[in-house]
Amino acid sequence: MFLVLSQQLVISFCNKLSYYGSIFD
């Protein structure tokens, strides 16, 4: 349960990084 939740958090965090990265790029 916790592993799945943390995995989703990491994925969403990476998506935000790539999203903001594409904006400031």
N, C-alpha and C. Protein backbone atom coordinates (compact mmCIF):
# COMPACT_ATOMS: atom_id res chain seq x y z
N MET A 1 0.84 -1.20 0.00
CA MET A 1 0.00 0.00 0.00
C MET A 1 0.88 1.26 0.00
N PHE A 2 1.79 1.30 0.97
CA PHE A 2 2.65 2.49 1.08
C PHE A 2 3.58 2.61 -0.12
N LEU A 3 4.07 1.46 -0.60
CA LEU A 3 4.98 1.48 -1.75
C LEU A 3 4.28 2.03 -2.98
N VAL A 4 3.02 1.63 -3.17
CA VAL A 4 2.26 2.10 -4.33
C VAL A 4 2.03 3.60 -4.22
N LEU A 5 1.70 4.05 -3.00
CA LEU A 5 1.42 5.47 -2.79
C LEU A 5 2.66 6.31 -3.03
N SER A 6 3.79 5.86 -2.49
CA SER A 6 5.03 6.60 -2.66
C SER A 6 5.47 6.58 -4.13
N GLN A 7 5.18 5.46 -4.80
CA GLN A 7 5.55 5.36 -6.22
C GLN A 7 4.76 6.38 -7.04
N GLN A 8 3.48 6.54 -6.72
CA GLN A 8 2.65 7.51 -7.43
C GLN A 8 3.13 8.92 -7.14
N LEU A 9 3.57 9.18 -5.91
CA LEU A 9 4.07 10.50 -5.54
C LEU A 9 5.33 10.82 -6.33
N VAL A 10 6.21 9.84 -6.46
CA VAL A 10 7.46 10.04 -7.21
C VAL A 10 7.16 10.31 -8.68
N ILE A 11 6.23 9.55 -9.23
CA ILE A 11 5.87 9.72 -10.65
C ILE A 11 5.26 11.10 -10.88
N SER A 12 4.35 11.52 -10.01
CA SER A 12 3.72 12.83 -10.16
C SER A 12 4.76 13.93 -9.97
N PHE A 13 5.71 13.72 -9.06
CA PHE A 13 6.77 14.70 -8.83
C PHE A 13 7.64 14.85 -10.07
N CYS A 14 8.00 13.72 -10.68
CA CYS A 14 8.81 13.74 -11.90
C CYS A 14 8.05 14.41 -13.04
N ASN A 15 6.75 14.17 -13.09
CA ASN A 15 5.93 14.79 -14.13
C ASN A 15 5.91 16.30 -13.95
N LYS A 16 5.84 16.76 -12.70
CA LYS A 16 5.85 18.20 -12.43
C LYS A 16 7.19 18.80 -12.81
N LEU A 17 8.27 18.07 -12.52
CA LEU A 17 9.61 18.56 -12.85
C LEU A 17 9.75 18.73 -14.36
N SER A 18 9.32 17.73 -15.12
CA SER A 18 9.43 17.79 -16.57
C SER A 18 8.48 18.86 -17.12
N TYR A 19 7.34 19.06 -16.44
CA TYR A 19 6.36 20.06 -16.89
C TYR A 19 6.92 21.47 -16.71
N TYR A 20 7.44 21.76 -15.51
CA TYR A 20 8.02 23.08 -15.26
C TYR A 20 9.30 23.26 -16.06
N GLY A 21 10.01 22.16 -16.27
CA GLY A 21 11.25 22.23 -17.04
C GLY A 21 10.97 22.63 -18.48
N SER A 22 9.86 22.13 -19.03
CA SER A 22 9.51 22.46 -20.41
C SER A 22 9.07 23.92 -20.50
N ILE A 23 8.54 24.46 -19.41
CA ILE A 23 8.10 25.86 -19.40
C ILE A 23 9.31 26.80 -19.39
N PHE A 24 10.27 26.50 -18.49
CA PHE A 24 11.42 27.39 -18.33
C PHE A 24 12.51 27.12 -19.36
N ASP A 25 12.37 26.05 -20.12
CA ASP A 25 13.40 25.71 -21.08
C ASP A 25 13.43 26.71 -22.23
